N, C-alpha and C. Protein backbone atom coordinates (compact mmCIF):
# COMPACT_ATOMS: atom_id res chain seq x y z
N MET A 1 59.75 -35.03 72.94
CA MET A 1 59.26 -35.34 71.72
C MET A 1 59.12 -34.06 70.72
N GLY A 2 59.29 -34.22 69.76
CA GLY A 2 59.18 -33.13 68.72
C GLY A 2 58.00 -33.17 68.00
N GLY A 3 57.76 -32.43 67.06
CA GLY A 3 56.75 -32.50 66.22
C GLY A 3 56.63 -31.29 65.14
N SER A 4 55.89 -31.30 64.31
CA SER A 4 55.91 -30.46 63.17
C SER A 4 54.23 -30.17 62.71
N ARG A 5 53.90 -28.95 62.67
CA ARG A 5 52.44 -28.66 62.30
C ARG A 5 52.21 -29.04 60.93
N VAL A 6 53.38 -28.84 60.13
CA VAL A 6 53.19 -29.25 58.75
C VAL A 6 53.37 -30.84 58.46
N LEU A 7 53.89 -31.58 59.07
CA LEU A 7 54.18 -32.89 59.03
C LEU A 7 53.05 -33.84 59.75
N ASP A 8 52.71 -33.27 60.80
CA ASP A 8 51.52 -33.82 61.69
C ASP A 8 50.41 -33.55 61.09
N ARG A 9 49.88 -34.41 60.27
CA ARG A 9 48.33 -34.14 59.38
C ARG A 9 47.94 -35.70 59.22
N PRO A 10 46.46 -35.68 59.20
CA PRO A 10 45.94 -37.00 59.05
C PRO A 10 46.59 -37.98 57.65
N ALA A 11 47.08 -37.54 56.89
CA ALA A 11 47.49 -38.22 55.65
C ALA A 11 49.03 -38.75 55.99
N ASN A 12 49.67 -38.04 56.84
CA ASN A 12 50.87 -38.61 57.26
C ASN A 12 51.07 -39.42 58.71
N ILE A 13 50.02 -39.82 58.96
CA ILE A 13 49.88 -40.61 60.32
C ILE A 13 49.29 -41.84 59.95
N ILE A 14 50.20 -42.91 60.38
CA ILE A 14 49.63 -44.52 60.43
C ILE A 14 49.88 -44.83 61.94
N VAL A 15 48.86 -45.60 62.52
CA VAL A 15 48.96 -46.17 63.70
C VAL A 15 49.45 -47.50 63.54
N MET A 16 50.77 -47.95 64.43
CA MET A 16 50.99 -49.34 64.30
C MET A 16 51.50 -49.89 65.69
N CYS A 17 51.76 -50.94 66.05
CA CYS A 17 52.19 -51.29 67.31
C CYS A 17 53.48 -50.61 67.39
N SER A 18 53.84 -50.71 68.81
CA SER A 18 55.22 -50.03 69.17
C SER A 18 56.38 -50.86 68.78
N SER A 19 56.08 -52.12 68.92
CA SER A 19 57.19 -53.17 68.50
C SER A 19 57.61 -53.00 66.93
N VAL A 20 56.58 -53.00 66.18
CA VAL A 20 57.05 -52.94 64.78
C VAL A 20 57.53 -51.43 64.58
N ASN A 21 56.97 -50.30 65.11
CA ASN A 21 57.59 -48.95 64.78
C ASN A 21 59.23 -48.92 65.50
N GLY A 22 59.32 -49.63 66.59
CA GLY A 22 60.58 -49.83 67.14
C GLY A 22 61.58 -50.50 66.18
N LEU A 23 61.18 -51.50 65.37
CA LEU A 23 62.12 -52.32 64.63
C LEU A 23 62.29 -51.45 63.29
N ILE A 24 61.16 -50.65 62.67
CA ILE A 24 61.49 -49.78 61.57
C ILE A 24 62.39 -48.73 61.77
N GLU A 25 62.51 -48.27 63.22
CA GLU A 25 63.40 -47.34 63.44
C GLU A 25 64.75 -47.53 63.84
N SER A 26 64.88 -48.83 64.06
CA SER A 26 66.27 -49.66 64.51
C SER A 26 66.93 -50.49 63.80
N ASN A 27 66.11 -51.12 62.71
CA ASN A 27 66.61 -52.36 61.95
C ASN A 27 66.50 -52.09 60.40
N ALA A 28 67.59 -51.96 59.65
CA ALA A 28 67.68 -51.67 58.30
C ALA A 28 66.64 -52.58 57.42
N THR A 29 66.51 -53.97 57.88
CA THR A 29 65.68 -54.79 56.98
C THR A 29 64.24 -54.18 57.13
N TRP A 30 63.67 -53.88 58.40
CA TRP A 30 62.53 -53.37 58.51
C TRP A 30 62.32 -52.13 58.09
N ALA A 31 63.36 -51.39 58.18
CA ALA A 31 63.42 -49.86 57.56
C ALA A 31 62.96 -50.02 56.01
N ARG A 32 63.71 -50.95 55.35
CA ARG A 32 63.64 -51.01 53.77
C ARG A 32 62.17 -51.44 53.61
N ARG A 33 61.87 -52.50 54.44
CA ARG A 33 60.29 -53.02 54.02
C ARG A 33 59.39 -52.02 54.33
N ALA A 34 59.49 -50.98 55.39
CA ALA A 34 58.55 -49.86 55.67
C ALA A 34 58.48 -48.80 54.67
N ARG A 35 59.62 -48.68 53.94
CA ARG A 35 59.69 -47.76 52.75
C ARG A 35 58.96 -48.48 51.47
N ASP A 36 59.26 -49.74 51.47
CA ASP A 36 58.52 -50.31 50.32
C ASP A 36 56.88 -50.49 50.53
N TYR A 37 56.55 -50.58 51.51
CA TYR A 37 55.09 -50.81 52.03
C TYR A 37 54.41 -49.28 52.18
N GLY A 38 55.24 -48.38 51.99
CA GLY A 38 54.74 -46.84 52.17
C GLY A 38 54.56 -46.53 53.76
N TRP A 39 55.10 -47.17 54.60
CA TRP A 39 54.81 -46.94 56.15
C TRP A 39 55.90 -45.83 56.74
N LYS A 40 56.96 -45.79 55.90
CA LYS A 40 58.00 -44.83 56.22
C LYS A 40 58.23 -43.79 54.91
N LEU A 41 58.04 -42.81 55.09
CA LEU A 41 58.11 -41.61 54.04
C LEU A 41 59.50 -40.83 54.29
N SER A 42 60.14 -40.33 53.18
CA SER A 42 61.30 -39.15 53.36
C SER A 42 60.46 -38.04 53.54
N ARG A 43 61.26 -36.92 53.97
CA ARG A 43 60.59 -35.72 54.05
C ARG A 43 60.07 -35.04 52.88
N TRP A 44 60.73 -35.61 51.65
CA TRP A 44 60.29 -34.82 50.52
C TRP A 44 59.19 -35.46 49.76
N GLN A 45 58.52 -36.50 50.25
CA GLN A 45 57.40 -37.26 49.84
C GLN A 45 55.99 -36.55 50.28
N THR A 46 55.02 -36.46 49.56
CA THR A 46 53.88 -35.94 49.76
C THR A 46 52.96 -37.06 50.29
N PRO A 47 52.56 -37.21 51.74
CA PRO A 47 51.91 -38.23 52.00
C PRO A 47 50.52 -38.72 51.16
N GLU A 48 49.86 -37.58 50.98
CA GLU A 48 48.49 -37.79 50.07
C GLU A 48 48.81 -38.29 48.75
N ASP A 49 50.04 -38.33 48.21
CA ASP A 49 50.38 -38.91 47.02
C ASP A 49 50.89 -40.27 47.07
N GLU A 50 51.28 -40.77 48.13
CA GLU A 50 52.11 -42.24 48.48
C GLU A 50 51.22 -43.01 48.94
N PRO A 51 50.73 -44.18 48.30
CA PRO A 51 50.12 -45.23 48.71
C PRO A 51 50.80 -46.06 49.78
N PHE A 52 49.99 -46.50 50.73
CA PHE A 52 50.60 -47.52 51.69
C PHE A 52 49.91 -49.05 51.48
N TYR A 53 50.31 -49.85 52.20
CA TYR A 53 49.83 -51.28 52.12
C TYR A 53 49.49 -51.62 53.45
N ASP A 54 48.00 -51.86 53.36
CA ASP A 54 47.40 -52.33 54.73
C ASP A 54 47.29 -53.89 54.64
N LEU A 55 48.18 -54.43 55.55
CA LEU A 55 48.26 -55.77 55.77
C LEU A 55 46.85 -56.57 56.08
N ALA A 56 46.09 -55.64 56.81
CA ALA A 56 44.91 -56.39 57.56
C ALA A 56 43.78 -56.63 56.23
N THR A 57 43.76 -55.76 55.23
CA THR A 57 42.99 -55.87 54.13
C THR A 57 43.66 -56.19 52.81
N ARG A 58 44.86 -56.14 53.05
CA ARG A 58 45.73 -56.59 51.62
C ARG A 58 45.58 -55.65 50.53
N THR A 59 45.37 -54.51 50.84
CA THR A 59 45.20 -53.42 49.64
C THR A 59 46.17 -52.20 49.88
N TRP A 60 46.38 -51.69 48.82
CA TRP A 60 46.97 -50.49 48.68
C TRP A 60 45.94 -49.29 49.05
N ASN A 61 46.49 -48.32 49.66
CA ASN A 61 45.66 -47.06 50.05
C ASN A 61 46.18 -45.78 49.97
N LEU A 62 45.31 -44.87 49.68
CA LEU A 62 45.70 -43.48 49.93
C LEU A 62 45.05 -42.95 50.95
N LEU A 63 45.51 -41.96 51.91
CA LEU A 63 45.02 -41.34 52.81
C LEU A 63 44.94 -39.86 52.53
N ASP A 64 43.80 -39.15 52.75
CA ASP A 64 43.77 -37.92 52.85
C ASP A 64 43.84 -37.08 54.20
N ASN A 65 43.49 -35.94 54.13
CA ASN A 65 43.39 -35.19 55.52
C ASN A 65 42.19 -34.87 56.03
N LEU A 66 41.18 -35.61 55.70
CA LEU A 66 39.91 -35.71 56.21
C LEU A 66 39.49 -37.12 56.64
N TYR A 67 40.53 -38.04 57.00
CA TYR A 67 40.68 -39.24 57.54
C TYR A 67 39.90 -40.29 56.77
N HIS A 68 39.81 -40.07 55.36
CA HIS A 68 39.49 -40.94 54.47
C HIS A 68 40.66 -41.66 53.55
N ARG A 69 40.23 -43.08 53.43
CA ARG A 69 41.26 -43.77 52.64
C ARG A 69 40.73 -44.15 51.40
N THR A 70 41.26 -44.45 50.26
CA THR A 70 40.80 -44.76 49.00
C THR A 70 41.79 -45.80 48.66
N ILE A 71 41.11 -46.97 48.05
CA ILE A 71 41.92 -48.08 47.79
C ILE A 71 42.58 -47.83 46.49
N THR A 72 43.81 -48.22 46.11
CA THR A 72 44.38 -47.72 44.86
C THR A 72 45.34 -48.91 44.47
N GLU A 73 46.09 -48.73 43.56
CA GLU A 73 47.38 -49.52 43.45
C GLU A 73 48.53 -49.01 43.17
N LYS A 74 49.58 -49.64 43.65
CA LYS A 74 51.03 -48.93 43.79
C LYS A 74 51.52 -48.94 42.48
N ALA A 75 52.16 -47.86 41.79
CA ALA A 75 52.58 -47.55 40.64
C ALA A 75 53.88 -48.64 40.44
N ALA A 76 53.86 -49.25 39.42
CA ALA A 76 55.10 -50.15 39.23
C ALA A 76 56.57 -49.14 39.30
N ALA A 77 57.50 -49.66 39.92
CA ALA A 77 58.82 -49.04 40.18
C ALA A 77 59.47 -48.77 38.81
């Protein structure tokens, strides 16, 4: 297992079940859904600026590096 001190920060970490994580990494449909919901980011994206969708609360959220979340809206594409 590798890691990065730059990438491994609170705003860049979302906990999800291992089954869904496996699907996101191995299935193109799930990977696309994960990008749409903000669960999977490209290296060039800044996690603090990218909202993610929380299925439990049905809200878009931003994370910061102090383990806080702020409810927000996703900008139109």
